[in-house]
Amino acid sequence: MNNRRQTGVKAGYLCSGLVYCECGAKMHAMKSKRKGHEYHYFYCSKKCGRPVIHMEKVDDCAINYLHDLLSPKNQELISRSLQEYQGKENNRINDFNTVIQRKIKEKQKQYQNLMGNLSSGSLPAEVVADIGEQMRILKEEIAHLENTAPPEDFTVDQIKTWLQTLKANPDEKAVHLLIERMDIKNKTDINVTSTLKSVLGENGCGDRI
């Protein structure tokens, strides 16, 4: 790729943990100082003899890759896939609501039983206090259950907005979310594998130089 998109985003070790040497071993980040300048590299953890690669080159590759990966077409595919996944979650949400309602009824029954104990006759003060405390806790638990909501469903537009934000400001979280691994080939080629292969197919991975 000849035209590099310079973003100025260099927050720490952007691709740490994702970079692999041609020998198959992970590459670790390192820094060195020469003549007052600090340089950052990735080196083979097995020290196989293959050369180090500049961290800036790897970071630029990752940023450019995410920019290409999150094209309008791919954003549409990702958004639709996430919506389909949410649709399949409807049964789980219905089960969630059923469980919540059952728990509320159980707590309400316990509360009513305690009310019955209080009205059954003269009780020692410490017993009354204990029952009162149990009733207070049950009321709080019921209120908490009633306010427990299932996971929120997101619209396609909301998902696209989120993806556009990742594209505009790629950071370490975005890189680790969308990139599975980066394989270094003879110090010039970097093959990037996306975490979205199941959604995007081969659009989600490829060579970046």
Protein backbone atom coordinates (compact mmCIF):
# COMPACT_ATOMS: atom_id res chain seq x y z
CA MET A 1 0.00 0.00 0.00
CA ASN A 2 1.70 3.16 -1.18
CA ASN A 3 -0.48 5.88 0.30
CA ARG A 4 -0.17 5.62 4.08
CA ARG A 5 -2.76 7.36 6.19
CA GLN A 6 -0.89 9.16 8.92
CA THR A 7 -3.13 9.59 11.94
CA GLY A 8 -0.64 10.59 14.58
CA VAL A 9 -2.16 7.98 16.88
CA LYS A 10 0.70 6.21 18.65
CA ALA A 11 -0.61 5.43 22.12
CA GLY A 12 1.78 2.93 23.70
CA TYR A 13 2.21 -0.46 22.08
CA LEU A 14 -0.75 -0.47 19.72
CA CYS A 15 -0.33 -4.03 18.43
CA SER A 16 1.33 -5.75 21.39
CA GLY A 17 0.36 -9.42 21.62
CA LEU A 18 -0.86 -9.62 18.01
CA VAL A 19 2.44 -9.76 16.09
CA TYR A 20 3.94 -13.10 14.97
CA CYS A 21 7.31 -13.88 13.44
CA GLU A 22 7.63 -15.82 10.18
CA CYS A 23 8.88 -18.77 12.26
CA GLY A 24 5.51 -18.85 14.06
CA ALA A 25 6.62 -17.45 17.41
CA LYS A 26 5.15 -14.33 18.95
CA MET A 27 7.08 -11.11 18.57
CA HIS A 28 7.64 -8.96 21.64
CA ALA A 29 7.95 -5.19 21.85
CA MET A 30 11.28 -3.59 22.74
CA LYS A 31 12.86 -0.16 22.68
CA SER A 32 16.43 1.02 22.28
CA LYS A 33 18.21 4.35 22.43
CA ARG A 34 20.86 5.51 19.99
CA LYS A 35 22.39 8.96 19.75
CA GLY A 36 19.67 10.43 21.95
CA HIS A 37 16.81 8.91 19.94
CA GLU A 38 14.43 6.21 21.14
CA TYR A 39 13.44 3.44 18.73
CA HIS A 40 10.68 0.85 19.15
CA TYR A 41 10.77 -2.59 17.54
CA PHE A 42 9.21 -6.02 17.58
CA TYR A 43 11.60 -8.98 17.89
CA CYS A 44 11.09 -12.75 17.73
CA SER A 45 10.52 -14.20 21.20
CA LYS A 46 12.38 -17.37 20.14
CA LYS A 47 15.26 -15.30 18.73
CA CYS A 48 15.17 -17.28 15.50
CA GLY A 49 17.54 -14.88 13.77
CA ARG A 50 15.01 -13.08 11.61
CA PRO A 51 15.37 -9.29 11.71
CA VAL A 52 13.40 -7.00 13.99
CA ILE A 53 10.68 -4.81 12.51
CA HIS A 54 9.99 -1.19 13.40
CA MET A 55 6.94 -0.80 15.60
CA GLU A 56 5.85 2.27 13.63
CA LYS A 57 5.65 0.15 10.47
CA VAL A 58 3.44 -2.41 12.25
CA ASP A 59 1.24 0.28 13.82
CA ASP A 60 0.78 2.08 10.50
CA CYS A 61 -0.17 -1.23 8.88
CA ALA A 62 -2.79 -1.90 11.57
CA ILE A 63 -4.28 1.59 11.28
CA ASN A 64 -4.42 1.42 7.48
CA TYR A 65 -5.91 -2.06 7.69
CA LEU A 66 -8.71 -0.94 10.02
CA HIS A 67 -9.41 2.00 7.71
CA ASP A 68 -9.86 -0.43 4.80
CA LEU A 69 -11.67 -3.04 6.88
CA LEU A 70 -14.29 -0.54 8.05
CA SER A 71 -15.32 0.51 4.56
CA PRO A 72 -18.97 1.55 4.09
CA LYS A 73 -19.73 -1.85 2.52
CA ASN A 74 -18.16 -3.78 5.40
CA GLN A 75 -19.81 -1.54 7.98
CA GLU A 76 -23.16 -2.48 6.45
CA LEU A 77 -22.28 -6.20 6.62
CA ILE A 78 -21.12 -5.94 10.23
CA SER A 79 -24.20 -3.95 11.26
CA ARG A 80 -26.60 -6.42 9.63
CA SER A 81 -24.78 -9.40 11.16
CA LEU A 82 -24.98 -7.87 14.64
CA GLN A 83 -28.69 -7.21 14.15
CA GLU A 84 -29.25 -10.81 13.07
CA TYR A 85 -27.42 -11.96 16.18
CA GLN A 86 -29.66 -9.73 18.32
CA GLY A 87 -32.71 -11.23 16.62
CA LYS A 88 -31.57 -14.70 17.64
CA GLU A 89 -31.21 -13.41 21.19
CA ASN A 90 -34.96 -12.71 21.50
CA ASN A 91 -35.60 -16.14 22.99
CA ARG A 92 -32.86 -15.57 25.53
CA ILE A 93 -34.40 -12.21 26.48
CA ASN A 94 -37.82 -13.83 26.89
CA ASP A 95 -36.24 -16.44 29.16
CA PHE A 96 -34.54 -13.64 31.07
CA ASN A 97 -37.86 -11.87 31.66
CA THR A 98 -39.53 -15.13 32.73
CA VAL A 99 -36.82 -15.79 35.31
CA ILE A 100 -37.03 -12.24 36.66
CA GLN A 101 -40.81 -12.45 37.06
CA ARG A 102 -40.53 -15.81 38.81
CA LYS A 103 -37.98 -14.43 41.26
CA ILE A 104 -40.18 -11.40 41.97
CA LYS A 105 -43.14 -13.65 42.76
CA GLU A 106 -40.98 -15.77 45.07
CA LYS A 107 -39.80 -12.69 46.96
CA GLN A 108 -43.34 -11.33 47.18
CA LYS A 109 -44.55 -14.64 48.62
CA GLN A 110 -41.78 -14.57 51.22
CA TYR A 111 -42.77 -11.00 52.09
CA GLN A 112 -46.42 -11.96 52.53
CA ASN A 113 -45.44 -14.90 54.75
CA LEU A 114 -43.49 -12.54 57.00
CA MET A 115 -46.49 -10.21 57.12
CA GLY A 116 -48.57 -13.19 58.24
CA ASN A 117 -46.09 -13.97 61.00
CA LEU A 118 -46.29 -10.41 62.28
CA SER A 119 -50.08 -10.49 62.44
CA SER A 120 -50.28 -13.95 64.02
CA GLY A 121 -50.12 -12.63 67.58
CA SER A 122 -47.89 -11.14 70.24
CA LEU A 123 -44.22 -11.60 69.41
CA PRO A 124 -41.07 -10.61 71.31
CA ALA A 125 -39.58 -7.29 70.26
CA GLU A 126 -36.40 -8.89 68.91
CA VAL A 127 -38.45 -11.25 66.70
CA VAL A 128 -40.50 -8.33 65.38
CA ALA A 129 -37.28 -6.41 64.66
CA ASP A 130 -35.79 -9.43 62.88
CA ILE A 131 -38.90 -9.91 60.74
CA GLY A 132 -38.96 -6.20 59.96
CA GLU A 133 -35.34 -6.33 58.77
CA GLN A 134 -36.07 -9.36 56.57
CA MET A 135 -39.06 -7.54 55.06
CA ARG A 136 -36.94 -4.46 54.36
CA ILE A 137 -34.31 -6.56 52.57
CA LEU A 138 -36.99 -8.35 50.55
CA LYS A 139 -38.52 -5.02 49.46
CA GLU A 140 -35.11 -3.84 48.26
CA GLU A 141 -34.54 -7.11 46.37
CA ILE A 142 -37.97 -6.88 44.72
CA ALA A 143 -37.31 -3.27 43.68
CA HIS A 144 -33.93 -4.27 42.24
CA LEU A 145 -35.46 -7.14 40.25
CA GLU A 146 -38.22 -4.89 38.91
CA ASN A 147 -35.58 -2.45 37.63
CA THR A 148 -33.42 -5.14 36.03
CA ALA A 149 -33.64 -4.72 32.27
CA PRO A 150 -32.53 -7.12 29.51
CA PRO A 151 -29.59 -6.11 27.29
CA GLU A 152 -30.34 -3.19 25.00
CA ASP A 153 -30.92 -3.77 21.30
CA PHE A 154 -28.99 -1.46 18.99
CA THR A 155 -30.15 -0.13 15.63
CA VAL A 156 -28.11 -0.41 12.44
CA ASP A 157 -27.46 3.34 12.55
CA GLN A 158 -26.15 3.14 16.12
CA ILE A 159 -23.80 0.29 15.18
CA LYS A 160 -22.58 2.20 12.11
CA THR A 161 -21.88 5.29 14.22
CA TRP A 162 -19.81 3.17 16.60
CA LEU A 163 -17.87 1.61 13.70
CA GLN A 164 -17.23 5.04 12.16
CA THR A 165 -15.83 6.21 15.50
CA LEU A 166 -13.45 3.25 15.56
CA LYS A 167 -12.40 4.02 11.99
CA ALA A 168 -11.80 7.71 12.66
CA ASN A 169 -9.87 7.18 15.91
CA PRO A 170 -8.29 3.71 15.93
CA ASP A 171 -6.76 2.97 19.32
CA GLU A 172 -5.36 -0.11 21.07
CA LYS A 173 -8.85 -1.36 21.99
CA ALA A 174 -10.06 -1.08 18.38
CA VAL A 175 -6.96 -2.87 17.08
CA HIS A 176 -7.35 -5.77 19.52
CA LEU A 177 -11.10 -5.93 18.90
CA LEU A 178 -10.87 -6.18 15.11
CA ILE A 179 -7.45 -7.76 14.45
CA GLU A 180 -6.75 -11.37 15.41
CA ARG A 181 -3.07 -11.49 14.44
CA MET A 182 -0.37 -9.89 12.27
CA ASP A 183 2.15 -12.21 10.60
CA ILE A 184 5.46 -10.68 9.53
CA LYS A 185 6.86 -12.02 6.25
CA ASN A 186 10.51 -11.28 5.34
CA LYS A 187 10.35 -7.86 7.06
CA THR A 188 8.45 -6.26 4.18
CA ASP A 189 5.06 -7.95 4.08
CA ILE A 190 2.59 -8.03 6.96
CA ASN A 191 -0.37 -10.37 6.68
CA VAL A 192 -3.26 -9.19 8.84
CA THR A 193 -6.03 -11.54 9.96
CA SER A 194 -9.31 -9.99 11.09
CA THR A 195 -11.50 -11.23 13.94
CA LEU A 196 -14.44 -10.72 11.56
CA LYS A 197 -13.63 -13.49 9.05
CA SER A 198 -16.91 -15.26 9.77
CA VAL A 199 -18.79 -12.06 8.89
CA LEU A 200 -16.69 -10.60 6.09
CA GLY A 201 -14.99 -13.69 4.65
CA GLU A 202 -11.76 -12.89 2.86
CA ASN A 203 -12.60 -9.19 2.97
CA GLY A 204 -11.48 -9.34 6.57
CA CYS A 205 -7.89 -10.40 5.96
CA GLY A 206 -5.04 -9.94 3.54
CA ASP A 207 -1.54 -8.67 2.91
CA ARG A 208 -0.51 -5.19 3.87
CA ILE A 209 2.93 -3.83 3.03
